[in-house]
Amino acid sequence: MRTSGEHVVFCQSGDLSPELFDLQYEHLIKCTEARLMPTSSQQKYRKKSGVSKLAITYAILAAIATAINIGAQDVSLRIYSGQFSIAVSVAVGTIVGLIAKYILDKKYIFSFKAKDAAHDVRTFVAYAAMGLVTTAIFWSFEFGFNQMFHTKEARFTGAVIGLAIGYISKYMLDRKFVFVSAEAE
């Protein structure tokens, strides 16, 4: 067995005595509880009913970002209707929606304050990187509905469904990988 700070690492399976097992089990429980505990900014929004104000706020902000995304797509289609206009509008909506969602999440969900401009850029890049996975979900719904129904309304419906699924996944990724320094404070 080797110890490093609070972490206990077992080098061989033969090292597992009952005392060491208890120590490792306690450490595992502490680590799990730390990951499952809401951040201090999230705890202040917790309601007794079980539905947190944070979840409601996140849903409202996701709806706002969705409306911004769809609105930007619609404006793009009104400005340009040539070849690849749908792909261009989806790209425009995605970029505008990403920036809006980052600003909203950073301020209202994670209460995140960057140390400086460079830190803010690094955080945005991490935020955008986590968005690649969720963008694939969103685009598959939007383009899938477009292929099946061939109408703007159906494509936007697919976008809304994809964005809803994507935003739920994105929150989990952002909480774990992007806005981690906000949780440490």
N, C-alpha and C. Protein backbone atom coordinates (compact mmCIF):
# COMPACT_ATOMS: atom_id res chain seq x y z
N MET A 1 0.85 -1.18 0.00
CA MET A 1 0.00 0.00 0.00
C MET A 1 0.89 1.24 0.00
N ARG A 2 0.42 2.27 -0.71
CA ARG A 2 1.15 3.53 -0.76
C ARG A 2 0.13 4.63 -0.48
N THR A 3 0.50 5.63 0.31
CA THR A 3 -0.41 6.73 0.59
C THR A 3 0.15 7.99 -0.03
N SER A 4 -0.76 8.82 -0.50
CA SER A 4 -0.38 10.10 -1.07
C SER A 4 -1.44 11.11 -0.64
N GLY A 5 -1.12 11.94 0.35
CA GLY A 5 -2.12 12.87 0.86
C GLY A 5 -3.26 12.10 1.47
N GLU A 6 -4.46 12.33 0.96
CA GLU A 6 -5.63 11.62 1.47
C GLU A 6 -5.92 10.36 0.65
N HIS A 7 -5.19 10.16 -0.42
CA HIS A 7 -5.48 9.04 -1.30
C HIS A 7 -4.71 7.81 -0.89
N VAL A 8 -5.40 6.68 -0.86
CA VAL A 8 -4.78 5.41 -0.55
C VAL A 8 -4.81 4.57 -1.81
N VAL A 9 -3.65 4.07 -2.20
CA VAL A 9 -3.56 3.27 -3.42
C VAL A 9 -3.04 1.89 -3.05
N PHE A 10 -3.71 0.86 -3.49
CA PHE A 10 -3.26 -0.49 -3.24
C PHE A 10 -2.46 -0.98 -4.43
N CYS A 11 -1.28 -1.47 -4.14
CA CYS A 11 -0.39 -1.91 -5.22
C CYS A 11 -0.62 -3.36 -5.58
N GLN A 12 -1.02 -4.19 -4.61
CA GLN A 12 -1.23 -5.60 -4.86
C GLN A 12 -2.52 -6.03 -4.19
N SER A 13 -3.15 -7.04 -4.75
CA SER A 13 -4.41 -7.50 -4.16
C SER A 13 -4.19 -8.14 -2.80
N GLY A 14 -3.00 -8.64 -2.51
CA GLY A 14 -2.70 -9.25 -1.22
C GLY A 14 -2.63 -8.24 -0.09
N ASP A 15 -2.56 -6.93 -0.41
CA ASP A 15 -2.49 -5.89 0.60
C ASP A 15 -3.82 -5.63 1.30
N LEU A 16 -4.90 -6.23 0.86
CA LEU A 16 -6.23 -5.88 1.32
C LEU A 16 -6.60 -6.61 2.61
N SER A 17 -6.14 -6.09 3.74
CA SER A 17 -6.53 -6.61 5.04
C SER A 17 -7.85 -5.95 5.42
N PRO A 18 -8.57 -6.46 6.42
CA PRO A 18 -9.83 -5.82 6.83
C PRO A 18 -9.66 -4.35 7.20
N GLU A 19 -8.56 -4.00 7.87
CA GLU A 19 -8.33 -2.60 8.24
C GLU A 19 -8.14 -1.73 7.00
N LEU A 20 -7.35 -2.25 6.07
CA LEU A 20 -7.12 -1.49 4.84
C LEU A 20 -8.40 -1.40 4.00
N PHE A 21 -9.18 -2.46 4.01
CA PHE A 21 -10.45 -2.43 3.29
C PHE A 21 -11.35 -1.33 3.85
N ASP A 22 -11.44 -1.26 5.18
CA ASP A 22 -12.26 -0.22 5.81
C ASP A 22 -11.76 1.17 5.45
N LEU A 23 -10.45 1.36 5.45
CA LEU A 23 -9.87 2.65 5.10
C LEU A 23 -10.18 3.01 3.66
N GLN A 24 -10.04 2.05 2.75
CA GLN A 24 -10.31 2.29 1.34
C GLN A 24 -11.81 2.56 1.13
N TYR A 25 -12.66 1.83 1.84
CA TYR A 25 -14.10 2.01 1.73
C TYR A 25 -14.49 3.42 2.19
N GLU A 26 -13.95 3.87 3.33
CA GLU A 26 -14.25 5.21 3.83
C GLU A 26 -13.80 6.27 2.84
N HIS A 27 -12.63 6.08 2.27
CA HIS A 27 -12.11 7.02 1.27
C HIS A 27 -13.03 7.07 0.04
N LEU A 28 -13.48 5.92 -0.40
CA LEU A 28 -14.38 5.85 -1.55
C LEU A 28 -15.68 6.59 -1.26
N ILE A 29 -16.23 6.40 -0.08
CA ILE A 29 -17.47 7.07 0.30
C ILE A 29 -17.26 8.59 0.32
N LYS A 30 -16.16 9.06 0.89
CA LYS A 30 -15.88 10.50 0.95
C LYS A 30 -15.76 11.08 -0.46
N CYS A 31 -15.06 10.38 -1.33
CA CYS A 31 -14.90 10.87 -2.71
C CYS A 31 -16.24 10.91 -3.43
N THR A 32 -17.05 9.86 -3.25
CA THR A 32 -18.35 9.80 -3.90
C THR A 32 -19.26 10.90 -3.38
N GLU A 33 -19.28 11.09 -2.07
CA GLU A 33 -20.11 12.15 -1.50
C GLU A 33 -19.68 13.51 -2.01
N ALA A 34 -18.38 13.74 -2.13
CA ALA A 34 -17.89 15.02 -2.62
C ALA A 34 -18.34 15.28 -4.05
N ARG A 35 -18.39 14.24 -4.86
CA ARG A 35 -18.82 14.40 -6.25
C ARG A 35 -20.32 14.60 -6.35
N LEU A 36 -21.08 13.99 -5.45
CA LEU A 36 -22.53 14.07 -5.53
C LEU A 36 -23.11 15.29 -4.81
N MET A 37 -22.33 15.90 -3.94
CA MET A 37 -22.83 17.06 -3.19
C MET A 37 -22.96 18.25 -4.13
N PRO A 38 -24.05 18.96 -4.05
CA PRO A 38 -24.19 20.17 -4.86
C PRO A 38 -23.18 21.22 -4.43
N THR A 39 -22.81 22.08 -5.33
CA THR A 39 -21.91 23.17 -5.00
C THR A 39 -22.64 24.14 -4.07
N SER A 40 -21.89 25.03 -3.45
CA SER A 40 -22.52 25.97 -2.52
C SER A 40 -23.53 26.86 -3.25
N SER A 41 -23.21 27.23 -4.51
CA SER A 41 -24.17 28.05 -5.25
C SER A 41 -25.43 27.26 -5.61
N GLN A 42 -25.28 25.93 -5.77
CA GLN A 42 -26.44 25.10 -6.06
C GLN A 42 -27.25 24.83 -4.80
N GLN A 43 -26.57 24.69 -3.65
CA GLN A 43 -27.27 24.41 -2.41
C GLN A 43 -28.21 25.54 -2.02
N LYS A 44 -27.82 26.78 -2.30
CA LYS A 44 -28.67 27.90 -1.90
C LYS A 44 -29.98 27.92 -2.69
N TYR A 45 -30.03 27.21 -3.82
CA TYR A 45 -31.25 27.18 -4.62
C TYR A 45 -32.13 25.97 -4.31
N ARG A 46 -31.67 25.09 -3.46
CA ARG A 46 -32.40 23.86 -3.18
C ARG A 46 -33.71 24.17 -2.47
N LYS A 47 -34.81 23.56 -2.92
CA LYS A 47 -36.10 23.75 -2.26
C LYS A 47 -36.43 22.49 -1.47
N LYS A 48 -37.29 22.63 -0.48
CA LYS A 48 -37.70 21.48 0.32
C LYS A 48 -38.54 20.50 -0.50
N SER A 49 -39.18 20.95 -1.53
CA SER A 49 -40.04 20.09 -2.34
C SER A 49 -39.26 19.07 -3.15
N GLY A 50 -37.94 19.23 -3.23
CA GLY A 50 -37.14 18.29 -4.01
C GLY A 50 -36.79 18.84 -5.38
N VAL A 51 -37.54 19.82 -5.86
CA VAL A 51 -37.24 20.46 -7.13
C VAL A 51 -36.44 21.70 -6.80
N SER A 52 -35.26 21.78 -7.34
CA SER A 52 -34.42 22.92 -6.98
C SER A 52 -34.69 24.11 -7.88
N LYS A 53 -34.48 25.27 -7.30
CA LYS A 53 -34.59 26.50 -8.08
C LYS A 53 -33.52 26.50 -9.16
N LEU A 54 -32.38 25.86 -8.89
CA LEU A 54 -31.32 25.76 -9.87
C LEU A 54 -31.81 25.02 -11.12
N ALA A 55 -32.52 23.91 -10.94
CA ALA A 55 -33.03 23.16 -12.09
C ALA A 55 -34.02 23.99 -12.90
N ILE A 56 -34.86 24.72 -12.20
CA ILE A 56 -35.84 25.58 -12.88
C ILE A 56 -35.11 26.70 -13.63
N THR A 57 -34.14 27.31 -12.97
CA THR A 57 -33.35 28.38 -13.60
C THR A 57 -32.62 27.84 -14.83
N TYR A 58 -32.03 26.64 -14.70
CA TYR A 58 -31.31 26.05 -15.83
C TYR A 58 -32.25 25.80 -17.00
N ALA A 59 -33.44 25.29 -16.71
CA ALA A 59 -34.41 25.03 -17.77
C ALA A 59 -34.83 26.32 -18.47
N ILE A 60 -35.04 27.38 -17.69
CA ILE A 60 -35.42 28.67 -18.27
C ILE A 60 -34.29 29.21 -19.15
N LEU A 61 -33.06 29.15 -18.65
CA LEU A 61 -31.92 29.64 -19.43
C LEU A 61 -31.69 28.79 -20.68
N ALA A 62 -31.92 27.48 -20.58
CA ALA A 62 -31.81 26.61 -21.75
C ALA A 62 -32.87 26.98 -22.78
N ALA A 63 -34.07 27.31 -22.31
CA ALA A 63 -35.13 27.74 -23.23
C ALA A 63 -34.77 29.06 -23.90
N ILE A 64 -34.17 29.97 -23.14
CA ILE A 64 -33.74 31.25 -23.72
C ILE A 64 -32.66 31.01 -24.77
N ALA A 65 -31.67 30.18 -24.45
CA ALA A 65 -30.59 29.88 -25.40
C ALA A 65 -31.15 29.16 -26.64
N THR A 66 -32.13 28.29 -26.44
CA THR A 66 -32.77 27.61 -27.56
C THR A 66 -33.47 28.61 -28.47
N ALA A 67 -34.20 29.54 -27.88
CA ALA A 67 -34.89 30.58 -28.66
C ALA A 67 -33.88 31.44 -29.42
N ILE A 68 -32.76 31.77 -28.78
CA ILE A 68 -31.71 32.54 -29.46
C ILE A 68 -31.15 31.75 -30.63
N ASN A 69 -30.90 30.45 -30.42
CA ASN A 69 -30.38 29.59 -31.48
C ASN A 69 -31.35 29.53 -32.66
N ILE A 70 -32.60 29.22 -32.37
CA ILE A 70 -33.61 29.10 -33.44
C ILE A 70 -33.83 30.46 -34.12
N GLY A 71 -33.85 31.52 -33.32
CA GLY A 71 -34.00 32.86 -33.90
C GLY A 71 -32.86 33.21 -34.84
N ALA A 72 -31.63 32.89 -34.43
CA ALA A 72 -30.47 33.16 -35.28
C ALA A 72 -30.54 32.34 -36.57
N GLN A 73 -31.02 31.11 -36.47
CA GLN A 73 -31.19 30.28 -37.67
C GLN A 73 -32.21 30.90 -38.61
N ASP A 74 -33.32 31.35 -38.04
CA ASP A 74 -34.37 31.94 -38.86
C ASP A 74 -33.89 33.21 -39.55
N VAL A 75 -33.18 34.06 -38.82
CA VAL A 75 -32.62 35.28 -39.42
C VAL A 75 -31.64 34.92 -40.52
N SER A 76 -30.80 33.92 -40.27
CA SER A 76 -29.83 33.50 -41.27
C SER A 76 -30.52 33.03 -42.55
N LEU A 77 -31.61 32.28 -42.40
CA LEU A 77 -32.35 31.80 -43.57
C LEU A 77 -33.02 32.94 -44.32
N ARG A 78 -33.43 33.97 -43.61
CA ARG A 78 -34.05 35.13 -44.28
C ARG A 78 -33.01 35.95 -45.05
N ILE A 79 -31.78 35.97 -44.53
CA ILE A 79 -30.70 36.72 -45.18
C ILE A 79 -30.12 35.93 -46.36
N TYR A 80 -29.93 34.62 -46.17
CA TYR A 80 -29.31 33.79 -47.20
C TYR A 80 -30.16 32.55 -47.46
N SER A 81 -30.56 32.36 -48.70
CA SER A 81 -31.39 31.19 -49.04
C SER A 81 -30.77 30.37 -50.18
N GLY A 82 -29.49 30.52 -50.39
CA GLY A 82 -28.82 29.82 -51.48
C GLY A 82 -28.40 28.41 -51.09
N GLN A 83 -27.43 27.91 -51.84
CA GLN A 83 -26.92 26.56 -51.62
C GLN A 83 -26.35 26.45 -50.20
N PHE A 84 -26.62 25.36 -49.54
CA PHE A 84 -26.17 25.08 -48.17
C PHE A 84 -26.75 26.05 -47.14
N SER A 85 -27.87 26.68 -47.46
CA SER A 85 -28.45 27.66 -46.53
C SER A 85 -28.86 27.02 -45.21
N ILE A 86 -29.33 25.79 -45.23
CA ILE A 86 -29.71 25.12 -43.98
C ILE A 86 -28.48 24.87 -43.13
N ALA A 87 -27.42 24.36 -43.73
CA ALA A 87 -26.19 24.11 -42.97
C ALA A 87 -25.62 25.41 -42.41
N VAL A 88 -25.65 26.46 -43.21
CA VAL A 88 -25.16 27.76 -42.75
C VAL A 88 -26.01 28.26 -41.59
N SER A 89 -27.33 28.14 -41.71
CA SER A 89 -28.20 28.63 -40.63
C SER A 89 -27.99 27.83 -39.34
N VAL A 90 -27.80 26.53 -39.46
CA VAL A 90 -27.56 25.70 -38.28
C VAL A 90 -26.23 26.10 -37.63
N ALA A 91 -25.21 26.35 -38.43
CA ALA A 91 -23.91 26.77 -37.89
C ALA A 91 -24.03 28.13 -37.19
N VAL A 92 -24.73 29.08 -37.82
CA VAL A 92 -24.91 30.40 -37.22
C VAL A 92 -25.66 30.27 -35.90
N GLY A 93 -26.75 29.52 -35.90
CA GLY A 93 -27.54 29.33 -34.67
C GLY A 93 -26.72 28.66 -33.57
N THR A 94 -25.91 27.69 -33.95
CA THR A 94 -25.09 26.97 -32.98
C THR A 94 -24.07 27.91 -32.33
N ILE A 95 -23.40 28.71 -33.14
CA ILE A 95 -22.38 29.63 -32.61
C ILE A 95 -23.02 30.69 -31.72
N VAL A 96 -24.09 31.31 -32.18
CA VAL A 96 -24.76 32.35 -31.39
C VAL A 96 -25.34 31.74 -30.11
N GLY A 97 -25.96 30.56 -30.23
CA GLY A 97 -26.52 29.89 -29.05
C GLY A 97 -25.45 29.48 -28.05
N LEU A 98 -24.31 29.03 -28.54
CA LEU A 98 -23.20 28.63 -27.67
C LEU A 98 -22.70 29.82 -26.84
N ILE A 99 -22.50 30.94 -27.49
CA ILE A 99 -22.00 32.12 -26.78
C ILE A 99 -23.03 32.59 -25.75
N ALA A 100 -24.30 32.63 -26.14
CA ALA A 100 -25.35 33.05 -25.21
C ALA A 100 -25.43 32.10 -24.01
N LYS A 101 -25.40 30.80 -24.27
CA LYS A 101 -25.51 29.81 -23.20
C LYS A 101 -24.32 29.87 -22.26
N TYR A 102 -23.13 30.11 -22.79
CA TYR A 102 -21.94 30.23 -21.95
C TYR A 102 -22.09 31.41 -20.99
N ILE A 103 -22.50 32.54 -21.52
CA ILE A 103 -22.67 33.74 -20.68
C ILE A 103 -23.71 33.49 -19.60
N LEU A 104 -24.84 32.89 -19.96
CA LEU A 104 -25.91 32.61 -19.00
C LEU A 104 -25.48 31.59 -17.95
N ASP A 105 -24.89 30.47 -18.39
CA ASP A 105 -24.45 29.42 -17.45
C ASP A 105 -23.38 29.94 -16.50
N LYS A 106 -22.43 30.65 -17.06
CA LYS A 106 -21.31 31.16 -16.26
C LYS A 106 -21.83 32.04 -15.12
N LYS A 107 -22.76 32.90 -15.43
CA LYS A 107 -23.25 33.85 -14.42
C LYS A 107 -24.32 33.26 -13.50
N TYR A 108 -25.36 32.65 -14.08
CA TYR A 108 -26.54 32.28 -13.30
C TYR A 108 -26.54 30.85 -12.78
N ILE A 109 -25.81 29.95 -13.40
CA ILE A 109 -25.83 28.56 -12.95
C ILE A 109 -24.62 28.22 -12.09
N PHE A 110 -23.44 28.59 -12.56
CA PHE A 110 -22.22 28.22 -11.86
C PHE A 110 -21.59 29.35 -11.05
N SER A 111 -22.16 30.56 -11.13
CA SER A 111 -21.61 31.73 -10.41
C SER A 111 -20.10 31.80 -10.60
N PHE A 112 -19.67 31.63 -11.82
CA PHE A 112 -18.25 31.53 -12.15
C PHE A 112 -17.68 32.90 -12.48
N LYS A 113 -16.54 33.20 -11.89
CA LYS A 113 -15.83 34.44 -12.20
C LYS A 113 -14.41 34.05 -12.61
N ALA A 114 -14.09 34.35 -13.85
CA ALA A 114 -12.75 34.05 -14.35
C ALA A 114 -11.74 34.96 -13.66
N LYS A 115 -10.51 34.44 -13.50
CA LYS A 115 -9.45 35.22 -12.87
C LYS A 115 -9.02 36.39 -13.74
N ASP A 116 -9.01 36.14 -15.05
CA ASP A 116 -8.62 37.17 -16.02
C ASP A 116 -9.16 36.77 -17.38
N ALA A 117 -8.89 37.57 -18.39
CA ALA A 117 -9.41 37.30 -19.74
C ALA A 117 -8.90 35.97 -20.29
N ALA A 118 -7.63 35.67 -20.05
CA ALA A 118 -7.06 34.41 -20.54
C ALA A 118 -7.77 33.21 -19.90
N HIS A 119 -8.05 33.31 -18.60
CA HIS A 119 -8.76 32.24 -17.91
C HIS A 119 -10.17 32.07 -18.47
N ASP A 120 -10.81 33.20 -18.77
CA ASP A 120 -12.16 33.16 -19.35
C ASP A 120 -12.13 32.49 -20.72
N VAL A 121 -11.12 32.79 -21.53
CA VAL A 121 -11.00 32.17 -22.86
C VAL A 121 -10.77 30.67 -22.71
N ARG A 122 -9.89 30.26 -21.78
CA ARG A 122 -9.65 28.82 -21.56
C ARG A 122 -10.93 28.12 -21.11
N THR A 123 -11.68 28.78 -20.24
CA THR A 123 -12.95 28.20 -19.76
C THR A 123 -13.94 28.08 -20.90
N PHE A 124 -14.02 29.10 -21.75
CA PHE A 124 -14.92 29.04 -22.91
C PHE A 124 -14.52 27.92 -23.87
N VAL A 125 -13.22 27.75 -24.09
CA VAL A 125 -12.75 26.68 -24.97
C VAL A 125 -13.14 25.32 -24.40
N ALA A 126 -12.97 25.13 -23.10
CA ALA A 126 -13.39 23.87 -22.45
C ALA A 126 -14.91 23.69 -22.57
N TYR A 127 -15.65 24.78 -22.38
CA TYR A 127 -17.11 24.76 -22.49
C TYR A 127 -17.52 24.35 -23.91
N ALA A 128 -16.86 24.94 -24.91
CA ALA A 128 -17.16 24.62 -26.30
C ALA A 128 -16.79 23.17 -26.62
N ALA A 129 -15.67 22.70 -26.07
CA ALA A 129 -15.25 21.31 -26.31
C ALA A 129 -16.27 20.32 -25.76
N MET A 130 -16.81 20.60 -24.57
CA MET A 130 -17.85 19.73 -24.02
C MET A 130 -19.10 19.81 -24.89
N GLY A 131 -19.28 20.94 -25.54
CA GLY A 131 -20.42 21.12 -26.42
C GLY A 131 -20.35 20.32 -27.71
N LEU A 132 -19.17 19.83 -28.07
CA LEU A 132 -19.06 19.05 -29.31
C LEU A 132 -19.92 17.79 -29.26
N VAL A 133 -19.89 17.12 -28.13
CA VAL A 133 -20.70 15.90 -27.96
C VAL A 133 -22.18 16.24 -28.02
N THR A 134 -22.57 17.27 -27.28
CA THR A 134 -23.98 17.61 -27.23
C THR A 134 -24.46 18.23 -28.54
N THR A 135 -23.56 18.88 -29.26
CA THR A 135 -23.92 19.42 -30.58
C THR A 135 -24.22 18.28 -31.55
N ALA A 136 -23.49 17.19 -31.45
CA ALA A 136 -23.77 16.03 -32.31
C ALA A 136 -25.18 15.50 -32.06
N ILE A 137 -25.60 15.49 -30.80
CA ILE A 137 -26.96 15.07 -30.46
C ILE A 137 -27.97 16.03 -31.09
N PHE A 138 -27.76 17.31 -30.86
CA PHE A 138 -28.66 18.35 -31.35
C PHE A 138 -28.76 18.31 -32.87
N TRP A 139 -27.62 18.26 -33.55
CA TRP A 139 -27.63 18.25 -35.01
C TRP A 139 -28.27 16.99 -35.58
N SER A 140 -28.05 15.86 -34.94
CA SER A 140 -28.66 14.62 -35.46
C SER A 140 -30.18 14.72 -35.43
N PHE A 141 -30.74 15.31 -34.37
CA PHE A 141 -32.19 15.50 -34.32
C PHE A 141 -32.65 16.51 -35.37
N GLU A 142 -31.96 17.63 -35.44
CA GLU A 142 -32.39 18.68 -36.36
C GLU A 142 -32.30 18.22 -37.81
N PHE A 143 -31.16 17.66 -38.21
CA PHE A 143 -31.02 17.20 -39.60
C PHE A 143 -31.88 15.97 -39.87
N GLY A 144 -32.07 15.13 -38.84
CA GLY A 144 -32.94 13.96 -38.98
C GLY A 144 -34.38 14.36 -39.26
N PHE A 145 -34.89 15.32 -38.50
CA PHE A 145 -36.25 15.81 -38.73
C PHE A 145 -36.36 16.49 -40.09
N ASN A 146 -35.32 17.19 -40.50
CA ASN A 146 -35.32 17.83 -41.81
C ASN A 146 -35.40 16.78 -42.93
N GLN A 147 -34.64 15.71 -42.79
CA GLN A 147 -34.65 14.64 -43.79
C GLN A 147 -35.99 13.91 -43.84
N MET A 148 -36.61 13.72 -42.69
CA MET A 148 -37.87 12.99 -42.65
C MET A 148 -39.06 13.82 -43.12
N PHE A 149 -39.10 15.10 -42.77
CA PHE A 149 -40.31 15.89 -43.01
C PHE A 149 -40.15 17.04 -44.01
N HIS A 150 -38.93 17.47 -44.27
CA HIS A 150 -38.63 18.49 -45.28
C HIS A 150 -39.36 19.82 -45.07
N THR A 151 -39.55 20.21 -43.80
CA THR A 151 -40.13 21.53 -43.54
C THR A 151 -39.30 22.24 -42.48
N LYS A 152 -39.33 23.55 -42.53
CA LYS A 152 -38.60 24.36 -41.55
C LYS A 152 -39.13 24.09 -40.14
N GLU A 153 -40.45 23.99 -40.02
CA GLU A 153 -41.06 23.78 -38.71
C GLU A 153 -40.62 22.44 -38.10
N ALA A 154 -40.59 21.39 -38.92
CA ALA A 154 -40.15 20.08 -38.43
C ALA A 154 -38.68 20.12 -38.04
N ARG A 155 -37.87 20.79 -38.84
CA ARG A 155 -36.45 20.90 -38.54
C ARG A 155 -36.25 21.65 -37.22
N PHE A 156 -36.99 22.73 -37.00
CA PHE A 156 -36.88 23.47 -35.75
C PHE A 156 -37.39 22.63 -34.57
N THR A 157 -38.41 21.81 -34.79
CA THR A 157 -38.90 20.91 -33.74
C THR A 157 -37.81 19.91 -33.36
N GLY A 158 -37.15 19.35 -34.37
CA GLY A 158 -36.02 18.45 -34.11
C GLY A 158 -34.91 19.16 -33.35
N ALA A 159 -34.68 20.42 -33.71
CA ALA A 159 -33.65 21.20 -33.02
C ALA A 159 -33.99 21.38 -31.55
N VAL A 160 -35.24 21.70 -31.26
CA VAL A 160 -35.66 21.90 -29.87
C VAL A 160 -35.50 20.62 -29.06
N ILE A 161 -35.91 19.49 -29.63
CA ILE A 161 -35.77 18.20 -28.95
C ILE A 161 -34.29 17.88 -28.72
N GLY A 162 -33.49 18.05 -29.77
CA GLY A 162 -32.05 17.78 -29.65
C GLY A 162 -31.37 18.70 -28.65
N LEU A 163 -31.75 19.97 -28.65
CA LEU A 163 -31.17 20.91 -27.69
C LEU A 163 -31.55 20.55 -26.26
N ALA A 164 -32.78 20.14 -26.05
CA ALA A 164 -33.21 19.76 -24.70
C ALA A 164 -32.38 18.58 -24.17
N ILE A 165 -32.23 17.56 -24.99
CA ILE A 165 -31.41 16.40 -24.59
C ILE A 165 -29.95 16.82 -24.40
N GLY A 166 -29.46 17.62 -25.34
CA GLY A 166 -28.08 18.08 -25.28
C GLY A 166 -27.79 18.92 -24.05
N TYR A 167 -28.71 19.81 -23.68
CA TYR A 167 -28.48 20.69 -22.53
C TYR A 167 -28.44 19.92 -21.22
N ILE A 168 -29.22 18.88 -21.10
CA ILE A 168 -29.16 18.06 -19.89
C ILE A 168 -27.79 17.40 -19.78
N SER A 169 -27.32 16.84 -20.88
CA SER A 169 -25.99 16.22 -20.90
C SER A 169 -24.91 17.27 -20.66
N LYS A 170 -25.09 18.43 -21.26
CA LYS A 170 -24.08 19.49 -21.16
C LYS A 170 -23.92 19.98 -19.73
N TYR A 171 -25.01 20.10 -19.00
CA TYR A 171 -24.91 20.53 -17.61
C TYR A 171 -24.01 19.57 -16.82
N MET A 172 -24.23 18.28 -17.00
CA MET A 172 -23.44 17.28 -16.27
C MET A 172 -21.96 17.38 -16.63
N LEU A 173 -21.67 17.53 -17.92
CA LEU A 173 -20.28 17.65 -18.37
C LEU A 173 -19.65 18.95 -17.85
N ASP A 174 -20.39 20.05 -17.94
CA ASP A 174 -19.85 21.34 -17.50
C ASP A 174 -19.56 21.34 -16.00
N ARG A 175 -20.46 20.76 -15.25
CA ARG A 175 -20.29 20.73 -13.80
C ARG A 175 -19.05 19.93 -13.41
N LYS A 176 -18.82 18.86 -14.16
CA LYS A 176 -17.70 17.98 -13.81
C LYS A 176 -16.37 18.45 -14.39
N PHE A 177 -16.37 19.03 -15.59
CA PHE A 177 -15.11 19.30 -16.28
C PHE A 177 -14.81 20.78 -16.55
N VAL A 178 -15.80 21.65 -16.64
CA VAL A 178 -15.54 23.02 -17.07
C VAL A 178 -15.48 24.00 -15.92
N PHE A 179 -16.53 24.06 -15.14
CA PHE A 179 -16.61 25.07 -14.08
C PHE A 179 -16.17 24.50 -12.74
N VAL A 180 -15.13 23.71 -12.75
CA VAL A 180 -14.67 23.05 -11.52
C VAL A 180 -14.02 24.01 -10.53
N SER A 181 -13.36 25.06 -10.99
CA SER A 181 -12.75 25.98 -10.05
C SER A 181 -13.81 26.77 -9.28
N ALA A 182 -15.00 26.94 -9.87
CA ALA A 182 -16.08 27.62 -9.17
C ALA A 182 -16.56 26.76 -8.00
N GLU A 183 -16.53 25.44 -8.15
CA GLU A 183 -16.96 24.55 -7.08
C GLU A 183 -15.93 24.51 -5.97
N ALA A 184 -14.66 24.70 -6.31
CA ALA A 184 -13.61 24.62 -5.31
C ALA A 184 -13.60 25.83 -4.39
N GLU A 185 -14.15 26.94 -4.86
CA GLU A 185 -14.13 28.18 -4.08
C GLU A 185 -15.14 28.16 -2.96
